[in-house]
Amino acid sequence: MKKTIRLMIADDHQVLLDGLVMMLNSSDKIDVVTTASNGRVVLEKLPDCEVDVLLMDIQMPELDGYETAKIVSEQHPNVKVITLSMHSERIYIERMYDAGVSGYLLKSAGKEEIITAIEKVYGGETYFSSEVAVAMLSKPGGKKTTITASSLTRREKEILGLIASGMTNPEIAEKLFLSTDTIKTHRKNMMRKLNVNNTAALVKFALENKG
């Protein structure tokens, strides 16, 4: 079967880069077409490569992931960018989201989660790991809105993080040892509290409304 997702990986650690290439090329849907050791190399290669998704670290020499993501978003809008970073601090997540990335994963993510993120982003969705979404909700600071995360219970924040990671109601129910109906009720309550009407809006709230 022909592979459908053309991927570029950028990281300045060669051992990690080689491992990611081997791991992701084993997927029957992903073809790692090229790699880069920094953002400058990414920008040099993109015009000559048909790349669908860019999986990229933040901290790289010469041109870091933040500046690279901004330029890619402006000059190559069809290329979806996913951050793969060791940093779970809110400041990094906010900056990369503002730079236009479609996903943010921690380097502790396993093979299946990375592949899922690539597939979802390629399909036009966003993907932020549950740890990332929870970090955005639970830490103080950021811009204030009239509706804030403080209106959510601890359980609702936990479920919102899992929703942001792309999990379905049955998957969340299984993970938290709850019934699917209970998860549906929590979703409805969150939508009511936050005055949103769909899952995409819930995830957007987690990332943009950081009260």
N, C-alpha and C. Protein backbone atom coordinates (compact mmCIF):
# COMPACT_ATOMS: atom_id res chain seq x y z
N MET A 1 0.84 -1.20 0.00
CA MET A 1 0.00 0.00 0.00
C MET A 1 0.88 1.25 0.00
N LYS A 2 0.56 2.20 -0.83
CA LYS A 2 1.34 3.43 -0.93
C LYS A 2 1.16 4.26 0.33
N LYS A 3 2.27 4.76 0.86
CA LYS A 3 2.20 5.62 2.05
C LYS A 3 1.65 6.98 1.65
N THR A 4 0.83 7.57 2.53
CA THR A 4 0.10 8.78 2.16
C THR A 4 0.62 10.05 2.83
N ILE A 5 1.28 9.94 3.97
CA ILE A 5 1.69 11.13 4.72
C ILE A 5 3.20 11.31 4.58
N ARG A 6 3.58 12.44 3.98
CA ARG A 6 5.00 12.73 3.77
C ARG A 6 5.48 13.61 4.94
N LEU A 7 6.45 13.09 5.67
CA LEU A 7 6.87 13.69 6.93
C LEU A 7 8.31 14.17 6.88
N MET A 8 8.55 15.35 7.45
CA MET A 8 9.90 15.83 7.72
C MET A 8 10.08 15.87 9.24
N ILE A 9 11.24 15.44 9.72
CA ILE A 9 11.55 15.49 11.15
C ILE A 9 12.74 16.40 11.36
N ALA A 10 12.65 17.31 12.33
CA ALA A 10 13.74 18.22 12.63
C ALA A 10 14.11 18.14 14.11
N ASP A 11 15.37 17.78 14.36
CA ASP A 11 15.89 17.69 15.72
C ASP A 11 17.41 17.71 15.63
N ASP A 12 18.05 18.38 16.58
CA ASP A 12 19.51 18.48 16.50
C ASP A 12 20.24 17.34 17.19
N HIS A 13 19.50 16.40 17.77
CA HIS A 13 20.11 15.23 18.38
C HIS A 13 20.02 14.05 17.40
N GLN A 14 21.16 13.67 16.83
CA GLN A 14 21.17 12.70 15.75
C GLN A 14 20.64 11.34 16.16
N VAL A 15 20.96 10.91 17.38
CA VAL A 15 20.49 9.60 17.84
C VAL A 15 18.96 9.57 17.90
N LEU A 16 18.39 10.64 18.45
CA LEU A 16 16.93 10.72 18.53
C LEU A 16 16.33 10.80 17.13
N LEU A 17 16.96 11.57 16.27
CA LEU A 17 16.47 11.73 14.90
C LEU A 17 16.45 10.38 14.18
N ASP A 18 17.54 9.64 14.30
CA ASP A 18 17.61 8.33 13.65
C ASP A 18 16.55 7.38 14.20
N GLY A 19 16.34 7.44 15.51
CA GLY A 19 15.33 6.58 16.12
C GLY A 19 13.93 6.91 15.65
N LEU A 20 13.62 8.19 15.54
CA LEU A 20 12.30 8.61 15.07
C LEU A 20 12.08 8.18 13.62
N VAL A 21 13.11 8.34 12.79
CA VAL A 21 12.98 7.94 11.40
C VAL A 21 12.67 6.45 11.28
N MET A 22 13.41 5.64 12.00
CA MET A 22 13.19 4.20 11.95
C MET A 22 11.80 3.83 12.47
N MET A 23 11.40 4.46 13.56
CA MET A 23 10.12 4.14 14.18
C MET A 23 8.95 4.54 13.29
N LEU A 24 8.99 5.76 12.75
CA LEU A 24 7.84 6.27 12.00
C LEU A 24 7.78 5.70 10.59
N ASN A 25 8.92 5.35 10.02
CA ASN A 25 8.90 4.71 8.70
C ASN A 25 8.30 3.31 8.75
N SER A 26 8.19 2.76 9.96
CA SER A 26 7.59 1.44 10.09
C SER A 26 6.07 1.49 9.95
N SER A 27 5.50 2.70 10.02
CA SER A 27 4.06 2.85 9.82
C SER A 27 3.74 2.71 8.33
N ASP A 28 2.61 2.07 8.03
CA ASP A 28 2.24 1.89 6.62
C ASP A 28 1.62 3.14 6.01
N LYS A 29 1.47 4.21 6.81
CA LYS A 29 0.88 5.44 6.30
C LYS A 29 1.87 6.60 6.22
N ILE A 30 3.03 6.46 6.87
CA ILE A 30 3.96 7.58 6.99
C ILE A 30 5.26 7.29 6.25
N ASP A 31 5.69 8.28 5.46
CA ASP A 31 6.96 8.20 4.75
C ASP A 31 7.82 9.38 5.18
N VAL A 32 8.89 9.11 5.91
CA VAL A 32 9.81 10.18 6.32
C VAL A 32 10.66 10.52 5.10
N VAL A 33 10.36 11.66 4.48
CA VAL A 33 11.01 12.00 3.21
C VAL A 33 12.33 12.73 3.41
N THR A 34 12.52 13.40 4.55
CA THR A 34 13.76 14.09 4.81
C THR A 34 13.85 14.48 6.28
N THR A 35 15.05 14.85 6.71
CA THR A 35 15.28 15.28 8.09
C THR A 35 16.08 16.58 8.08
N ALA A 36 16.12 17.22 9.24
CA ALA A 36 16.89 18.46 9.38
C ALA A 36 17.42 18.56 10.80
N SER A 37 18.59 19.20 10.94
CA SER A 37 19.21 19.36 12.26
C SER A 37 18.90 20.69 12.90
N ASN A 38 18.27 21.59 12.16
CA ASN A 38 17.87 22.89 12.72
C ASN A 38 16.86 23.55 11.79
N GLY A 39 16.29 24.66 12.26
CA GLY A 39 15.25 25.33 11.50
C GLY A 39 15.71 25.89 10.17
N ARG A 40 16.96 26.32 10.10
CA ARG A 40 17.45 26.86 8.85
C ARG A 40 17.47 25.79 7.75
N VAL A 41 17.87 24.59 8.13
CA VAL A 41 17.87 23.48 7.16
C VAL A 41 16.43 23.14 6.75
N VAL A 42 15.50 23.21 7.70
CA VAL A 42 14.08 22.98 7.38
C VAL A 42 13.64 23.91 6.26
N LEU A 43 13.93 25.20 6.43
CA LEU A 43 13.48 26.19 5.46
C LEU A 43 14.20 26.04 4.12
N GLU A 44 15.43 25.55 4.15
CA GLU A 44 16.16 25.31 2.90
C GLU A 44 15.57 24.13 2.14
N LYS A 45 15.12 23.12 2.86
CA LYS A 45 14.64 21.89 2.21
C LYS A 45 13.18 21.95 1.78
N LEU A 46 12.35 22.68 2.51
CA LEU A 46 10.90 22.65 2.24
C LEU A 46 10.51 22.98 0.80
N PRO A 47 11.13 23.97 0.15
CA PRO A 47 10.70 24.28 -1.23
C PRO A 47 10.91 23.13 -2.21
N ASP A 48 11.86 22.24 -1.91
CA ASP A 48 12.18 21.16 -2.83
C ASP A 48 11.59 19.82 -2.42
N CYS A 49 10.86 19.80 -1.30
CA CYS A 49 10.27 18.55 -0.82
C CYS A 49 8.76 18.70 -0.71
N GLU A 50 8.05 17.67 -1.09
CA GLU A 50 6.60 17.67 -0.88
C GLU A 50 6.34 17.12 0.51
N VAL A 51 6.21 18.02 1.48
CA VAL A 51 6.05 17.64 2.88
C VAL A 51 4.64 17.98 3.34
N ASP A 52 3.99 17.03 3.99
CA ASP A 52 2.65 17.26 4.53
C ASP A 52 2.72 17.72 5.99
N VAL A 53 3.58 17.06 6.76
CA VAL A 53 3.68 17.32 8.19
C VAL A 53 5.14 17.47 8.58
N LEU A 54 5.41 18.47 9.43
CA LEU A 54 6.74 18.70 9.99
C LEU A 54 6.69 18.41 11.48
N LEU A 55 7.47 17.43 11.93
CA LEU A 55 7.58 17.08 13.34
C LEU A 55 8.90 17.68 13.83
N MET A 56 8.82 18.63 14.79
CA MET A 56 9.99 19.47 15.06
C MET A 56 10.18 19.77 16.54
N ASP A 57 11.44 19.74 16.96
CA ASP A 57 11.82 20.13 18.30
C ASP A 57 11.78 21.66 18.40
N ILE A 58 11.83 22.19 19.64
CA ILE A 58 11.85 23.64 19.83
C ILE A 58 13.29 24.15 19.86
N GLN A 59 14.09 23.59 20.74
CA GLN A 59 15.44 24.10 20.96
C GLN A 59 16.41 23.47 19.97
N MET A 60 16.77 24.26 18.95
CA MET A 60 17.72 23.83 17.93
C MET A 60 18.66 24.99 17.62
N PRO A 61 19.89 24.72 17.19
CA PRO A 61 20.83 25.79 16.87
C PRO A 61 20.45 26.52 15.59
N GLU A 62 21.02 27.71 15.43
CA GLU A 62 20.87 28.56 14.25
C GLU A 62 19.47 29.16 14.12
N LEU A 63 18.45 28.31 14.07
CA LEU A 63 17.07 28.81 14.02
C LEU A 63 16.21 27.84 14.79
N ASP A 64 15.58 28.32 15.87
CA ASP A 64 14.86 27.40 16.74
C ASP A 64 13.48 27.07 16.21
N GLY A 65 12.79 26.18 16.92
CA GLY A 65 11.49 25.72 16.47
C GLY A 65 10.42 26.79 16.44
N TYR A 66 10.50 27.74 17.36
CA TYR A 66 9.50 28.81 17.41
C TYR A 66 9.58 29.68 16.16
N GLU A 67 10.77 30.19 15.85
CA GLU A 67 10.93 31.05 14.68
C GLU A 67 10.63 30.27 13.40
N THR A 68 11.06 29.02 13.37
CA THR A 68 10.81 28.18 12.19
C THR A 68 9.32 27.97 11.97
N ALA A 69 8.59 27.68 13.06
CA ALA A 69 7.14 27.44 12.95
C ALA A 69 6.43 28.68 12.41
N LYS A 70 6.83 29.86 12.87
CA LYS A 70 6.21 31.10 12.38
C LYS A 70 6.43 31.26 10.88
N ILE A 71 7.65 31.00 10.43
CA ILE A 71 7.96 31.17 9.01
C ILE A 71 7.24 30.11 8.16
N VAL A 72 7.23 28.87 8.64
CA VAL A 72 6.54 27.81 7.91
C VAL A 72 5.05 28.12 7.79
N SER A 73 4.45 28.61 8.86
CA SER A 73 3.02 28.95 8.84
C SER A 73 2.72 30.04 7.81
N GLU A 74 3.65 30.97 7.64
CA GLU A 74 3.45 32.07 6.71
C GLU A 74 3.78 31.67 5.27
N GLN A 75 4.88 30.95 5.08
CA GLN A 75 5.37 30.68 3.73
C GLN A 75 4.92 29.33 3.18
N HIS A 76 4.61 28.39 4.06
CA HIS A 76 4.18 27.06 3.64
C HIS A 76 2.93 26.64 4.42
N PRO A 77 1.83 27.34 4.21
CA PRO A 77 0.61 27.11 5.02
C PRO A 77 0.04 25.70 4.89
N ASN A 78 0.40 24.98 3.84
CA ASN A 78 -0.12 23.62 3.68
C ASN A 78 0.64 22.59 4.49
N VAL A 79 1.77 23.00 5.06
CA VAL A 79 2.56 22.09 5.88
C VAL A 79 2.11 22.23 7.34
N LYS A 80 1.63 21.15 7.91
CA LYS A 80 1.19 21.14 9.30
C LYS A 80 2.39 20.89 10.21
N VAL A 81 2.48 21.63 11.30
CA VAL A 81 3.62 21.52 12.19
C VAL A 81 3.20 20.93 13.54
N ILE A 82 3.96 19.93 13.99
CA ILE A 82 3.76 19.35 15.31
C ILE A 82 5.04 19.55 16.11
N THR A 83 4.92 20.09 17.30
CA THR A 83 6.06 20.23 18.20
C THR A 83 6.27 18.92 18.95
N LEU A 84 7.51 18.46 19.00
CA LEU A 84 7.89 17.31 19.82
C LEU A 84 9.00 17.79 20.73
N SER A 85 8.67 18.01 22.01
CA SER A 85 9.60 18.69 22.90
C SER A 85 9.67 18.03 24.26
N MET A 86 10.76 18.26 24.97
CA MET A 86 10.89 17.80 26.35
C MET A 86 10.24 18.79 27.32
N HIS A 87 9.84 19.96 26.81
CA HIS A 87 9.33 21.02 27.67
C HIS A 87 7.81 20.96 27.80
N SER A 88 7.33 20.83 29.02
CA SER A 88 5.89 20.84 29.29
C SER A 88 5.46 22.14 29.94
N GLU A 89 6.39 23.10 30.10
CA GLU A 89 6.04 24.37 30.73
C GLU A 89 5.10 25.17 29.84
N ARG A 90 4.21 25.86 30.49
CA ARG A 90 3.17 26.60 29.78
C ARG A 90 3.74 27.62 28.78
N ILE A 91 4.83 28.28 29.14
CA ILE A 91 5.37 29.33 28.27
C ILE A 91 5.77 28.77 26.90
N TYR A 92 6.33 27.56 26.88
CA TYR A 92 6.71 26.94 25.61
C TYR A 92 5.48 26.57 24.79
N ILE A 93 4.48 26.00 25.47
CA ILE A 93 3.26 25.57 24.77
C ILE A 93 2.55 26.77 24.15
N GLU A 94 2.42 27.84 24.91
CA GLU A 94 1.73 29.03 24.41
C GLU A 94 2.45 29.62 23.21
N ARG A 95 3.78 29.71 23.29
CA ARG A 95 4.55 30.32 22.19
C ARG A 95 4.40 29.50 20.91
N MET A 96 4.48 28.19 21.04
CA MET A 96 4.38 27.35 19.84
C MET A 96 2.96 27.39 19.26
N TYR A 97 1.96 27.42 20.13
CA TYR A 97 0.58 27.52 19.65
C TYR A 97 0.38 28.84 18.91
N ASP A 98 0.92 29.92 19.48
CA ASP A 98 0.81 31.23 18.83
C ASP A 98 1.59 31.27 17.51
N ALA A 99 2.61 30.43 17.40
CA ALA A 99 3.40 30.39 16.16
C ALA A 99 2.69 29.62 15.05
N GLY A 100 1.59 28.95 15.40
CA GLY A 100 0.78 28.30 14.39
C GLY A 100 0.88 26.79 14.30
N VAL A 101 1.45 26.14 15.33
CA VAL A 101 1.55 24.68 15.25
C VAL A 101 0.17 24.04 15.39
N SER A 102 0.03 22.87 14.82
CA SER A 102 -1.24 22.14 14.88
C SER A 102 -1.25 21.08 15.98
N GLY A 103 -0.08 20.84 16.58
CA GLY A 103 0.01 19.84 17.63
C GLY A 103 1.22 20.06 18.51
N TYR A 104 1.16 19.49 19.72
CA TYR A 104 2.28 19.60 20.67
C TYR A 104 2.34 18.30 21.45
N LEU A 105 3.47 17.61 21.30
CA LEU A 105 3.71 16.35 22.00
C LEU A 105 4.95 16.47 22.87
N LEU A 106 4.97 15.71 23.95
CA LEU A 106 6.17 15.61 24.76
C LEU A 106 7.02 14.45 24.25
N LYS A 107 8.33 14.54 24.47
CA LYS A 107 9.22 13.49 23.97
C LYS A 107 9.04 12.18 24.72
N SER A 108 8.26 12.21 25.77
CA SER A 108 7.93 10.97 26.47
C SER A 108 6.81 10.20 25.77
N ALA A 109 6.23 10.78 24.72
CA ALA A 109 5.14 10.14 23.99
C ALA A 109 5.62 8.85 23.33
N GLY A 110 4.75 7.86 23.30
CA GLY A 110 5.07 6.59 22.66
C GLY A 110 4.80 6.62 21.17
N LYS A 111 5.21 5.55 20.51
CA LYS A 111 5.06 5.45 19.06
C LYS A 111 3.63 5.64 18.61
N GLU A 112 2.69 4.97 19.27
CA GLU A 112 1.29 5.03 18.83
C GLU A 112 0.73 6.44 18.95
N GLU A 113 1.09 7.14 20.03
CA GLU A 113 0.57 8.51 20.18
C GLU A 113 1.15 9.44 19.12
N ILE A 114 2.44 9.29 18.82
CA ILE A 114 3.06 10.14 17.80
C ILE A 114 2.41 9.89 16.44
N ILE A 115 2.20 8.63 16.12
CA ILE A 115 1.56 8.31 14.84
C ILE A 115 0.13 8.85 14.80
N THR A 116 -0.59 8.68 15.89
CA THR A 116 -1.96 9.22 15.96
C THR A 116 -1.97 10.72 15.75
N ALA A 117 -1.04 11.43 16.39
CA ALA A 117 -0.96 12.88 16.25
C ALA A 117 -0.70 13.27 14.79
N ILE A 118 0.23 12.58 14.16
CA ILE A 118 0.56 12.88 12.76
C ILE A 118 -0.65 12.65 11.86
N GLU A 119 -1.36 11.56 12.07
CA GLU A 119 -2.53 11.25 11.25
C GLU A 119 -3.64 12.28 11.44
N LYS A 120 -3.88 12.66 12.70
CA LYS A 120 -4.95 13.63 12.97
C LYS A 120 -4.62 15.00 12.39
N VAL A 121 -3.39 15.43 12.57
CA VAL A 121 -2.99 16.73 12.04
C VAL A 121 -3.01 16.73 10.51
N TYR A 122 -2.56 15.65 9.91
CA TYR A 122 -2.62 15.52 8.45
C TYR A 122 -4.07 15.61 7.96
N GLY A 123 -4.99 15.08 8.76
CA GLY A 123 -6.41 15.10 8.40
C GLY A 123 -7.11 16.41 8.69
N GLY A 124 -6.36 17.42 9.14
CA GLY A 124 -6.95 18.74 9.37
C GLY A 124 -7.36 19.02 10.81
N GLU A 125 -7.08 18.06 11.71
CA GLU A 125 -7.41 18.27 13.11
C GLU A 125 -6.18 18.79 13.87
N THR A 126 -6.37 19.08 15.15
CA THR A 126 -5.26 19.42 16.02
C THR A 126 -5.03 18.28 17.00
N TYR A 127 -3.82 18.22 17.56
CA TYR A 127 -3.54 17.18 18.55
C TYR A 127 -2.58 17.74 19.59
N PHE A 128 -3.05 17.79 20.82
CA PHE A 128 -2.22 18.22 21.94
C PHE A 128 -2.31 17.14 23.01
N SER A 129 -1.16 16.66 23.45
CA SER A 129 -1.15 15.57 24.42
C SER A 129 -1.92 15.98 25.67
N SER A 130 -2.43 15.01 26.38
CA SER A 130 -3.24 15.30 27.57
C SER A 130 -2.45 16.10 28.58
N GLU A 131 -1.14 15.82 28.73
CA GLU A 131 -0.32 16.58 29.68
C GLU A 131 -0.25 18.06 29.29
N VAL A 132 -0.21 18.31 27.99
CA VAL A 132 -0.14 19.69 27.50
C VAL A 132 -1.43 20.44 27.80
N ALA A 133 -2.56 19.82 27.50
CA ALA A 133 -3.84 20.47 27.75
C ALA A 133 -4.04 20.75 29.24
N VAL A 134 -3.67 19.79 30.08
CA VAL A 134 -3.81 19.98 31.52
C VAL A 134 -2.91 21.10 32.00
N ALA A 135 -1.69 21.18 31.45
CA ALA A 135 -0.77 22.25 31.82
C ALA A 135 -1.36 23.61 31.49
N MET A 136 -2.02 23.72 30.36
CA MET A 136 -2.62 24.98 29.96
C MET A 136 -3.77 25.37 30.87
N LEU A 137 -4.45 24.39 31.41
CA LEU A 137 -5.60 24.67 32.26
C LEU A 137 -5.23 24.91 33.72
N SER A 138 -4.20 24.23 34.19
CA SER A 138 -3.98 24.20 35.64
C SER A 138 -2.99 25.22 36.16
N LYS A 139 -2.20 25.82 35.27
CA LYS A 139 -1.19 26.76 35.74
C LYS A 139 -1.70 28.19 35.64
N PRO A 140 -1.34 29.04 36.61
CA PRO A 140 -1.82 30.42 36.60
C PRO A 140 -1.14 31.25 35.52
N GLY A 141 -1.70 32.41 35.25
CA GLY A 141 -1.10 33.32 34.29
C GLY A 141 -1.82 33.29 32.97
N GLY A 142 -1.24 34.00 31.99
CA GLY A 142 -1.85 34.04 30.67
C GLY A 142 -2.96 35.07 30.61
N LYS A 143 -3.56 35.22 29.45
CA LYS A 143 -4.60 36.22 29.29
C LYS A 143 -5.86 35.79 30.02
N LYS A 144 -6.59 36.76 30.50
CA LYS A 144 -7.80 36.50 31.28
C LYS A 144 -9.03 36.63 30.40
N THR A 145 -10.03 35.84 30.70
CA THR A 145 -11.31 35.94 30.01
C THR A 145 -12.41 35.93 31.04
N THR A 146 -13.62 36.22 30.59
CA THR A 146 -14.73 36.24 31.53
C THR A 146 -15.09 34.84 32.00
N ILE A 147 -14.76 33.83 31.19
CA ILE A 147 -14.96 32.44 31.58
C ILE A 147 -13.58 31.82 31.77
N THR A 148 -13.34 31.18 32.88
CA THR A 148 -12.01 30.66 33.15
C THR A 148 -12.06 29.18 33.53
N ALA A 149 -10.88 28.58 33.54
CA ALA A 149 -10.79 27.17 33.88
C ALA A 149 -11.15 26.91 35.33
N SER A 150 -11.17 27.96 36.15
CA SER A 150 -11.51 27.77 37.56
C SER A 150 -12.95 27.30 37.73
N SER A 151 -13.77 27.47 36.70
CA SER A 151 -15.16 27.02 36.78
C SER A 151 -15.28 25.52 36.57
N LEU A 152 -14.18 24.86 36.18
CA LEU A 152 -14.20 23.42 35.96
C LEU A 152 -13.72 22.69 37.20
N THR A 153 -14.28 21.50 37.43
CA THR A 153 -13.84 20.66 38.53
C THR A 153 -12.53 19.97 38.14
N ARG A 154 -11.86 19.36 39.11
CA ARG A 154 -10.63 18.63 38.84
C ARG A 154 -10.88 17.53 37.82
N ARG A 155 -11.97 16.80 37.98
CA ARG A 155 -12.31 15.72 37.06
C ARG A 155 -12.57 16.25 35.65
N GLU A 156 -13.26 17.39 35.55
CA GLU A 156 -13.55 17.97 34.24
C GLU A 156 -12.27 18.40 33.54
N LYS A 157 -11.32 18.96 34.30
CA LYS A 157 -10.04 19.33 33.71
C LYS A 157 -9.31 18.09 33.19
N GLU A 158 -9.38 17.03 33.96
CA GLU A 158 -8.74 15.77 33.56
C GLU A 158 -9.35 15.25 32.26
N ILE A 159 -10.67 15.27 32.19
CA ILE A 159 -11.36 14.79 30.99
C ILE A 159 -11.08 15.70 29.80
N LEU A 160 -11.03 17.00 30.03
CA LEU A 160 -10.73 17.94 28.95
C LEU A 160 -9.35 17.68 28.37
N GLY A 161 -8.40 17.35 29.25
CA GLY A 161 -7.07 17.01 28.77
C GLY A 161 -7.08 15.79 27.87
N LEU A 162 -7.88 14.79 28.24
CA LEU A 162 -7.97 13.57 27.44
C LEU A 162 -8.70 13.82 26.12
N ILE A 163 -9.70 14.70 26.15
CA ILE A 163 -10.39 15.08 24.91
C ILE A 163 -9.40 15.75 23.97
N ALA A 164 -8.57 16.65 24.51
CA ALA A 164 -7.59 17.36 23.69
C ALA A 164 -6.57 16.41 23.08
N SER A 165 -6.34 15.28 23.75
CA SER A 165 -5.37 14.31 23.22
C SER A 165 -5.98 13.42 22.14
N GLY A 166 -7.26 13.63 21.83
CA GLY A 166 -7.89 12.90 20.75
C GLY A 166 -8.65 11.66 21.16
N MET A 167 -8.81 11.44 22.46
CA MET A 167 -9.50 10.23 22.91
C MET A 167 -11.01 10.37 22.76
N THR A 168 -11.69 9.26 22.47
CA THR A 168 -13.14 9.24 22.35
C THR A 168 -13.78 9.03 23.72
N ASN A 169 -15.10 9.21 23.78
CA ASN A 169 -15.81 8.99 25.04
C ASN A 169 -15.56 7.59 25.61
N PRO A 170 -15.70 6.51 24.81
CA PRO A 170 -15.44 5.17 25.36
C PRO A 170 -14.01 4.99 25.84
N GLU A 171 -13.04 5.56 25.12
CA GLU A 171 -11.64 5.45 25.52
C GLU A 171 -11.38 6.17 26.84
N ILE A 172 -11.98 7.35 26.99
CA ILE A 172 -11.83 8.10 28.25
C ILE A 172 -12.49 7.33 29.39
N ALA A 173 -13.66 6.80 29.12
CA ALA A 173 -14.39 6.05 30.15
C ALA A 173 -13.56 4.86 30.63
N GLU A 174 -12.95 4.15 29.68
CA GLU A 174 -12.13 2.99 30.04
C GLU A 174 -10.91 3.41 30.86
N LYS A 175 -10.27 4.49 30.46
CA LYS A 175 -9.06 4.95 31.15
C LYS A 175 -9.36 5.39 32.58
N LEU A 176 -10.51 6.04 32.78
CA LEU A 176 -10.85 6.60 34.10
C LEU A 176 -11.77 5.68 34.91
N PHE A 177 -12.08 4.51 34.35
CA PHE A 177 -12.95 3.55 35.03
C PHE A 177 -14.32 4.17 35.34
N LEU A 178 -14.86 4.86 34.34
CA LEU A 178 -16.18 5.46 34.44
C LEU A 178 -17.03 4.94 33.29
N SER A 179 -18.32 5.19 33.36
CA SER A 179 -19.20 4.78 32.27
C SER A 179 -19.15 5.83 31.15
N THR A 180 -19.47 5.39 29.93
CA THR A 180 -19.50 6.32 28.80
C THR A 180 -20.54 7.41 29.04
N ASP A 181 -21.66 7.06 29.63
CA ASP A 181 -22.69 8.06 29.92
C ASP A 181 -22.17 9.14 30.87
N THR A 182 -21.34 8.73 31.84
CA THR A 182 -20.76 9.71 32.77
C THR A 182 -19.86 10.68 32.03
N ILE A 183 -19.07 10.18 31.09
CA ILE A 183 -18.19 11.05 30.31
C ILE A 183 -19.02 12.01 29.47
N LYS A 184 -20.09 11.50 28.87
CA LYS A 184 -20.97 12.37 28.08
C LYS A 184 -21.56 13.48 28.94
N THR A 185 -21.93 13.14 30.17
CA THR A 185 -22.48 14.14 31.09
C THR A 185 -21.44 15.21 31.41
N HIS A 186 -20.21 14.77 31.67
CA HIS A 186 -19.14 15.74 31.94
C HIS A 186 -18.91 16.66 30.75
N ARG A 187 -18.95 16.09 29.55
CA ARG A 187 -18.78 16.91 28.34
C ARG A 187 -19.86 17.99 28.28
N LYS A 188 -21.10 17.57 28.49
CA LYS A 188 -22.22 18.52 28.43
C LYS A 188 -22.06 19.60 29.48
N ASN A 189 -21.66 19.21 30.69
CA ASN A 189 -21.48 20.19 31.75
C ASN A 189 -20.38 21.19 31.42
N MET A 190 -19.28 20.69 30.84
CA MET A 190 -18.18 21.59 30.46
C MET A 190 -18.62 22.56 29.37
N MET A 191 -19.34 22.05 28.39
CA MET A 191 -19.82 22.91 27.31
C MET A 191 -20.75 24.00 27.86
N ARG A 192 -21.60 23.60 28.81
CA ARG A 192 -22.51 24.58 29.41
C ARG A 192 -21.73 25.63 30.20
N LYS A 193 -20.79 25.18 31.03
CA LYS A 193 -20.01 26.12 31.85
C LYS A 193 -19.18 27.08 31.00
N LEU A 194 -18.62 26.56 29.91
CA LEU A 194 -17.71 27.35 29.09
C LEU A 194 -18.39 28.02 27.90
N ASN A 195 -19.70 27.76 27.77
CA ASN A 195 -20.50 28.38 26.72
C ASN A 195 -19.96 28.06 25.32
N VAL A 196 -19.65 26.77 25.11
CA VAL A 196 -19.22 26.30 23.79
C VAL A 196 -20.13 25.16 23.37
N ASN A 197 -20.09 24.81 22.08
CA ASN A 197 -21.07 23.82 21.61
C ASN A 197 -20.48 22.61 20.88
N ASN A 198 -19.15 22.46 20.90
CA ASN A 198 -18.57 21.27 20.28
C ASN A 198 -17.20 20.98 20.87
N THR A 199 -16.66 19.80 20.53
CA THR A 199 -15.38 19.37 21.08
C THR A 199 -14.24 20.28 20.65
N ALA A 200 -14.25 20.72 19.39
CA ALA A 200 -13.19 21.60 18.91
C ALA A 200 -13.12 22.87 19.75
N ALA A 201 -14.29 23.38 20.12
CA ALA A 201 -14.33 24.58 20.94
C ALA A 201 -13.81 24.32 22.35
N LEU A 202 -14.06 23.12 22.87
CA LEU A 202 -13.52 22.76 24.18
C LEU A 202 -12.00 22.77 24.16
N VAL A 203 -11.42 22.16 23.13
CA VAL A 203 -9.97 22.11 23.02
C VAL A 203 -9.40 23.52 22.83
N LYS A 204 -10.07 24.32 22.01
CA LYS A 204 -9.63 25.69 21.80
C LYS A 204 -9.64 26.46 23.12
N PHE A 205 -10.65 26.22 23.94
CA PHE A 205 -10.69 26.87 25.25
C PHE A 205 -9.49 26.47 26.10
N ALA A 206 -9.17 25.19 26.07
CA ALA A 206 -8.05 24.70 26.88
C ALA A 206 -6.75 25.39 26.52
N LEU A 207 -6.61 25.76 25.24
CA LEU A 207 -5.36 26.33 24.78
C LEU A 207 -5.35 27.86 24.76
N GLU A 208 -6.52 28.49 24.65
CA GLU A 208 -6.55 29.94 24.49
C GLU A 208 -7.09 30.69 25.71
N ASN A 209 -7.96 30.09 26.48
CA ASN A 209 -8.57 30.75 27.63
C ASN A 209 -7.94 30.24 28.89
N LYS A 210 -6.90 30.90 29.32
CA LYS A 210 -6.04 30.36 30.36
C LYS A 210 -6.23 31.09 31.68
N GLY A 211 -7.43 31.12 32.18
CA GLY A 211 -7.66 31.87 33.40
C GLY A 211 -7.18 31.15 34.62
